[in-house]
């Protein structure tokens, strides 16, 4: 019964949400280092391939941006909805966070796309 209680009190995040690439009308990719934001020119499609395979954690997202730096911020706009993601490293793991939605683990190779 302890396992059931843990699952009930700390459920996994819902599967990560993302738009179909043909729906994306506008996007922005930023790197925030704790003092400034720099807009990056990266291949969004490659980044989204990693985001689509993210695995849910039991961590909750309780703010607009993560409490660690540096992080990468991806903002997407479609006709119907806005999406935002923060990618960062914490405790030797790489995460993608959808503000107020969920925290997910992601393949660390995604960081190679930002170098």
N, C-alpha and C. Protein backbone atom coordinates (compact mmCIF):
# COMPACT_ATOMS: atom_id res chain seq x y z
N UNK A 1 0.81 -1.20 0.00
CA UNK A 1 0.00 0.00 0.00
C UNK A 1 0.85 1.26 0.00
N UNK A 2 2.12 1.15 0.46
CA UNK A 2 3.01 2.31 0.44
C UNK A 2 3.29 2.78 -0.98
N UNK A 3 3.45 1.84 -1.90
CA UNK A 3 3.71 2.18 -3.29
C UNK A 3 2.52 2.92 -3.89
N UNK A 4 1.31 2.45 -3.60
CA UNK A 4 0.11 3.10 -4.10
C UNK A 4 0.02 4.53 -3.59
N UNK A 5 0.32 4.71 -2.31
CA UNK A 5 0.28 6.06 -1.71
C UNK A 5 1.29 6.97 -2.39
N UNK A 6 2.51 6.46 -2.67
CA UNK A 6 3.54 7.26 -3.32
C UNK A 6 3.09 7.66 -4.72
N UNK A 7 2.55 6.70 -5.49
CA UNK A 7 2.04 7.00 -6.83
C UNK A 7 0.92 8.03 -6.79
N UNK A 8 0.07 7.94 -5.79
CA UNK A 8 -1.06 8.87 -5.68
C UNK A 8 -0.58 10.27 -5.32
N UNK A 9 0.35 10.38 -4.37
CA UNK A 9 0.82 11.68 -3.91
C UNK A 9 1.85 12.32 -4.82
N UNK A 10 2.60 11.50 -5.56
CA UNK A 10 3.64 12.00 -6.46
C UNK A 10 3.51 11.32 -7.82
N UNK A 11 2.45 11.65 -8.55
CA UNK A 11 2.23 10.97 -9.85
C UNK A 11 3.25 11.45 -10.89
N UNK A 12 3.44 10.62 -11.90
CA UNK A 12 4.26 11.04 -13.03
C UNK A 12 3.55 12.16 -13.78
N UNK A 13 4.34 13.02 -14.40
CA UNK A 13 3.76 14.08 -15.23
C UNK A 13 3.01 13.45 -16.39
N UNK A 14 2.06 14.17 -16.93
CA UNK A 14 1.37 13.72 -18.14
C UNK A 14 2.38 13.67 -19.28
N UNK A 15 2.13 12.90 -20.32
CA UNK A 15 3.05 12.89 -21.46
C UNK A 15 3.29 14.32 -21.97
N UNK A 16 4.50 14.57 -22.41
CA UNK A 16 4.85 15.91 -22.86
C UNK A 16 4.01 16.29 -24.08
N UNK A 17 3.62 17.54 -24.14
CA UNK A 17 2.83 18.05 -25.27
C UNK A 17 3.75 18.79 -26.23
N UNK A 18 3.48 18.63 -27.50
CA UNK A 18 4.25 19.34 -28.52
C UNK A 18 3.40 19.43 -29.79
N UNK A 19 3.61 20.48 -30.57
CA UNK A 19 2.84 20.64 -31.80
C UNK A 19 3.45 19.84 -32.95
N UNK A 20 2.66 19.62 -33.96
CA UNK A 20 3.15 19.06 -35.21
C UNK A 20 4.02 20.14 -35.84
N UNK A 21 5.13 19.77 -36.42
CA UNK A 21 6.06 20.76 -36.97
C UNK A 21 5.41 21.65 -38.03
N UNK A 22 4.40 21.15 -38.74
CA UNK A 22 3.74 21.97 -39.76
C UNK A 22 2.84 23.04 -39.14
N UNK A 23 2.50 22.89 -37.87
CA UNK A 23 1.64 23.87 -37.19
C UNK A 23 2.41 25.06 -36.63
N UNK A 24 3.72 24.95 -36.50
CA UNK A 24 4.53 26.00 -35.87
C UNK A 24 4.62 27.21 -36.81
N UNK A 25 4.14 28.35 -36.32
CA UNK A 25 4.14 29.59 -37.10
C UNK A 25 5.35 30.47 -36.77
N UNK A 26 5.81 30.40 -35.51
CA UNK A 26 6.92 31.23 -35.07
C UNK A 26 7.60 30.53 -33.90
N UNK A 27 8.89 30.78 -33.73
CA UNK A 27 9.60 30.21 -32.59
C UNK A 27 10.78 31.08 -32.21
N UNK A 28 11.23 30.87 -30.98
CA UNK A 28 12.40 31.58 -30.46
C UNK A 28 13.16 30.61 -29.58
N UNK A 29 14.50 30.64 -29.70
CA UNK A 29 15.37 29.82 -28.86
C UNK A 29 16.34 30.75 -28.17
N UNK A 30 16.37 30.70 -26.84
CA UNK A 30 17.22 31.57 -26.04
C UNK A 30 18.11 30.76 -25.12
N UNK A 31 19.29 31.30 -24.82
CA UNK A 31 20.13 30.75 -23.77
C UNK A 31 20.18 31.79 -22.66
N UNK A 32 19.88 31.36 -21.44
CA UNK A 32 19.93 32.25 -20.29
C UNK A 32 21.02 31.75 -19.36
N UNK A 33 21.99 32.61 -19.05
CA UNK A 33 23.13 32.20 -18.23
C UNK A 33 23.08 32.73 -16.80
N UNK A 34 21.98 33.28 -16.40
CA UNK A 34 21.86 33.84 -15.06
C UNK A 34 21.93 35.35 -15.05
N UNK A 35 22.49 35.94 -16.11
CA UNK A 35 22.61 37.39 -16.19
C UNK A 35 22.00 37.96 -17.46
N UNK A 36 22.07 37.20 -18.54
CA UNK A 36 21.55 37.73 -19.81
C UNK A 36 20.96 36.60 -20.65
N UNK A 37 20.11 37.01 -21.59
CA UNK A 37 19.52 36.08 -22.55
C UNK A 37 20.14 36.36 -23.91
N UNK A 38 20.48 35.29 -24.61
CA UNK A 38 21.04 35.41 -25.95
C UNK A 38 20.17 34.57 -26.87
N UNK A 39 19.72 35.18 -27.97
CA UNK A 39 18.92 34.43 -28.93
C UNK A 39 19.85 33.56 -29.77
N UNK A 40 19.45 32.31 -29.96
CA UNK A 40 20.27 31.35 -30.70
C UNK A 40 19.60 30.98 -32.01
N UNK A 41 20.43 30.64 -32.98
CA UNK A 41 19.95 30.14 -34.26
C UNK A 41 20.24 28.65 -34.29
N UNK A 42 19.29 27.83 -33.89
CA UNK A 42 19.47 26.40 -33.86
C UNK A 42 18.43 25.72 -34.73
N UNK A 43 18.67 24.46 -35.02
CA UNK A 43 17.74 23.68 -35.82
C UNK A 43 16.59 23.22 -34.93
N UNK A 44 15.47 23.86 -35.02
CA UNK A 44 14.31 23.55 -34.18
C UNK A 44 13.86 22.11 -34.38
N UNK A 45 13.87 21.63 -35.59
CA UNK A 45 13.39 20.27 -35.84
C UNK A 45 14.21 19.23 -35.08
N UNK A 46 15.53 19.40 -35.03
CA UNK A 46 16.37 18.47 -34.28
C UNK A 46 16.07 18.55 -32.78
N UNK A 47 15.89 19.74 -32.27
CA UNK A 47 15.57 19.91 -30.85
C UNK A 47 14.24 19.24 -30.54
N UNK A 48 13.25 19.45 -31.40
CA UNK A 48 11.93 18.86 -31.18
C UNK A 48 11.98 17.34 -31.22
N UNK A 49 12.86 16.75 -32.01
CA UNK A 49 12.99 15.30 -32.03
C UNK A 49 13.39 14.77 -30.65
N UNK A 50 14.21 15.50 -29.93
CA UNK A 50 14.58 15.11 -28.57
C UNK A 50 13.41 15.33 -27.60
N UNK A 51 12.75 16.47 -27.73
CA UNK A 51 11.64 16.79 -26.83
C UNK A 51 10.54 15.74 -26.95
N UNK A 52 10.26 15.29 -28.15
CA UNK A 52 9.20 14.30 -28.37
C UNK A 52 9.46 12.99 -27.64
N UNK A 53 10.72 12.69 -27.35
CA UNK A 53 11.06 11.43 -26.69
C UNK A 53 11.30 11.59 -25.19
N UNK A 54 10.96 12.75 -24.64
CA UNK A 54 11.17 13.00 -23.21
C UNK A 54 10.31 12.07 -22.35
N UNK A 55 10.87 11.67 -21.21
CA UNK A 55 10.17 10.78 -20.29
C UNK A 55 9.71 11.53 -19.04
N UNK A 56 8.47 11.33 -18.62
CA UNK A 56 7.95 12.05 -17.46
C UNK A 56 8.66 11.68 -16.17
N UNK A 57 8.73 12.64 -15.26
CA UNK A 57 9.26 12.42 -13.91
C UNK A 57 8.14 12.69 -12.92
N UNK A 58 8.45 12.55 -11.66
CA UNK A 58 7.49 12.87 -10.60
C UNK A 58 7.67 14.30 -10.09
N UNK A 59 8.55 15.07 -10.75
CA UNK A 59 8.79 16.46 -10.36
C UNK A 59 7.68 17.34 -10.91
N UNK A 60 7.32 18.35 -10.14
CA UNK A 60 6.31 19.30 -10.57
C UNK A 60 6.99 20.56 -11.08
N UNK A 61 6.39 21.18 -12.05
CA UNK A 61 6.87 22.47 -12.53
C UNK A 61 6.01 23.55 -11.87
N UNK A 62 6.65 24.42 -11.09
CA UNK A 62 5.89 25.39 -10.32
C UNK A 62 6.24 26.84 -10.66
N UNK A 63 6.98 27.05 -11.76
CA UNK A 63 7.32 28.42 -12.14
C UNK A 63 7.52 28.52 -13.65
N UNK A 64 7.70 29.74 -14.11
CA UNK A 64 7.90 30.00 -15.54
C UNK A 64 9.25 29.49 -16.04
N UNK A 65 10.27 29.59 -15.19
CA UNK A 65 11.63 29.21 -15.59
C UNK A 65 12.25 28.36 -14.48
N UNK A 66 13.21 27.49 -14.83
CA UNK A 66 13.84 26.65 -13.80
C UNK A 66 14.71 27.47 -12.86
N UNK A 67 15.01 26.89 -11.73
CA UNK A 67 15.82 27.58 -10.72
C UNK A 67 17.31 27.37 -10.91
N UNK A 68 17.72 26.80 -12.02
CA UNK A 68 19.14 26.56 -12.30
C UNK A 68 19.54 27.31 -13.57
N UNK A 69 20.82 27.63 -13.65
CA UNK A 69 21.36 28.24 -14.86
C UNK A 69 22.64 27.49 -15.22
N UNK A 70 23.02 27.46 -16.46
CA UNK A 70 22.29 28.01 -17.59
C UNK A 70 21.14 27.10 -18.00
N UNK A 71 20.24 27.65 -18.78
CA UNK A 71 19.19 26.84 -19.39
C UNK A 71 18.87 27.41 -20.76
N UNK A 72 18.22 26.58 -21.56
CA UNK A 72 17.79 26.97 -22.91
C UNK A 72 16.28 27.04 -22.90
N UNK A 73 15.76 28.09 -23.48
CA UNK A 73 14.32 28.33 -23.49
C UNK A 73 13.83 28.28 -24.94
N UNK A 74 12.85 27.45 -25.19
CA UNK A 74 12.28 27.31 -26.53
C UNK A 74 10.82 27.73 -26.46
N UNK A 75 10.42 28.72 -27.23
CA UNK A 75 9.04 29.19 -27.28
C UNK A 75 8.50 28.94 -28.68
N UNK A 76 7.35 28.28 -28.75
CA UNK A 76 6.72 27.96 -30.03
C UNK A 76 5.33 28.56 -30.09
N UNK A 77 4.96 29.04 -31.26
CA UNK A 77 3.62 29.58 -31.47
C UNK A 77 2.95 28.83 -32.62
N UNK A 78 1.70 28.43 -32.38
CA UNK A 78 0.87 27.86 -33.44
C UNK A 78 -0.37 28.73 -33.53
N UNK A 79 -1.24 28.44 -34.45
CA UNK A 79 -2.49 29.20 -34.56
C UNK A 79 -3.33 29.08 -33.30
N UNK A 80 -3.29 27.91 -32.66
CA UNK A 80 -4.18 27.63 -31.54
C UNK A 80 -3.55 27.73 -30.16
N UNK A 81 -2.22 27.57 -30.06
CA UNK A 81 -1.62 27.43 -28.74
C UNK A 81 -0.16 27.87 -28.74
N UNK A 82 0.32 28.24 -27.55
CA UNK A 82 1.73 28.53 -27.32
C UNK A 82 2.33 27.39 -26.51
N UNK A 83 3.57 27.08 -26.79
CA UNK A 83 4.30 26.04 -26.07
C UNK A 83 5.61 26.64 -25.61
N UNK A 84 6.06 26.27 -24.42
CA UNK A 84 7.38 26.69 -23.98
C UNK A 84 8.06 25.55 -23.25
N UNK A 85 9.37 25.48 -23.45
CA UNK A 85 10.19 24.42 -22.88
C UNK A 85 11.47 25.04 -22.34
N UNK A 86 11.96 24.52 -21.24
CA UNK A 86 13.25 24.90 -20.70
C UNK A 86 14.08 23.63 -20.60
N UNK A 87 15.28 23.67 -21.17
CA UNK A 87 16.18 22.52 -21.12
C UNK A 87 17.36 22.90 -20.25
N UNK A 88 17.68 22.03 -19.28
CA UNK A 88 18.75 22.34 -18.34
C UNK A 88 19.33 21.06 -17.75
N UNK A 89 20.48 21.20 -17.10
CA UNK A 89 21.13 20.09 -16.42
C UNK A 89 21.06 20.34 -14.92
N UNK A 90 20.72 19.28 -14.20
CA UNK A 90 20.71 19.34 -12.74
C UNK A 90 21.03 17.94 -12.21
N UNK A 91 21.95 17.88 -11.26
CA UNK A 91 22.36 16.60 -10.66
C UNK A 91 22.76 15.58 -11.73
N UNK A 92 23.52 16.02 -12.70
CA UNK A 92 24.06 15.18 -13.78
C UNK A 92 23.00 14.58 -14.70
N UNK A 93 21.79 15.10 -14.68
CA UNK A 93 20.74 14.66 -15.59
C UNK A 93 20.28 15.87 -16.40
N UNK A 94 19.79 15.60 -17.61
CA UNK A 94 19.27 16.67 -18.46
C UNK A 94 17.75 16.58 -18.46
N UNK A 95 17.13 17.73 -18.24
CA UNK A 95 15.67 17.81 -18.14
C UNK A 95 15.12 18.78 -19.16
N UNK A 96 13.89 18.54 -19.55
CA UNK A 96 13.10 19.52 -20.30
C UNK A 96 11.87 19.77 -19.43
N UNK A 97 11.57 21.02 -19.21
CA UNK A 97 10.46 21.40 -18.34
C UNK A 97 9.46 22.23 -19.14
N UNK A 98 8.20 21.86 -19.03
CA UNK A 98 7.12 22.69 -19.57
C UNK A 98 6.56 23.45 -18.37
N UNK A 99 6.75 24.76 -18.32
CA UNK A 99 6.30 25.51 -17.15
C UNK A 99 4.86 25.21 -16.76
N UNK A 100 4.69 24.90 -15.48
CA UNK A 100 3.39 24.61 -14.86
C UNK A 100 2.73 23.34 -15.40
N UNK A 101 3.45 22.55 -16.19
CA UNK A 101 2.87 21.35 -16.77
C UNK A 101 3.59 20.10 -16.31
N UNK A 102 4.92 20.08 -16.40
CA UNK A 102 5.66 18.89 -15.98
C UNK A 102 7.15 19.01 -16.24
N UNK A 103 7.89 18.08 -15.63
CA UNK A 103 9.34 17.99 -15.79
C UNK A 103 9.63 16.61 -16.36
N UNK A 104 10.53 16.55 -17.34
CA UNK A 104 10.82 15.33 -18.08
C UNK A 104 12.32 15.14 -18.21
N UNK A 105 12.77 13.89 -18.23
CA UNK A 105 14.16 13.64 -18.55
C UNK A 105 14.28 13.60 -20.08
N UNK A 106 15.44 13.99 -20.55
CA UNK A 106 15.68 14.06 -21.99
C UNK A 106 17.10 13.60 -22.25
N UNK A 107 17.34 13.06 -23.43
CA UNK A 107 18.66 12.56 -23.80
C UNK A 107 19.68 13.71 -23.72
N UNK A 108 20.79 13.46 -23.05
CA UNK A 108 21.80 14.50 -22.87
C UNK A 108 22.41 14.98 -24.18
N UNK A 109 22.28 14.20 -25.24
CA UNK A 109 22.82 14.61 -26.54
C UNK A 109 22.15 15.86 -27.08
N UNK A 110 20.98 16.21 -26.56
CA UNK A 110 20.31 17.43 -26.99
C UNK A 110 21.20 18.65 -26.73
N UNK A 111 22.02 18.59 -25.68
CA UNK A 111 22.87 19.72 -25.35
C UNK A 111 23.91 20.00 -26.45
N UNK A 112 24.29 18.97 -27.22
CA UNK A 112 25.22 19.15 -28.33
C UNK A 112 24.66 20.10 -29.39
N UNK A 113 23.34 20.18 -29.48
CA UNK A 113 22.71 21.07 -30.47
C UNK A 113 22.87 22.54 -30.12
N UNK A 114 23.19 22.83 -28.85
CA UNK A 114 23.31 24.21 -28.42
C UNK A 114 24.77 24.70 -28.38
N UNK A 115 25.74 23.82 -28.68
CA UNK A 115 27.14 24.25 -28.59
C UNK A 115 27.64 24.81 -29.89
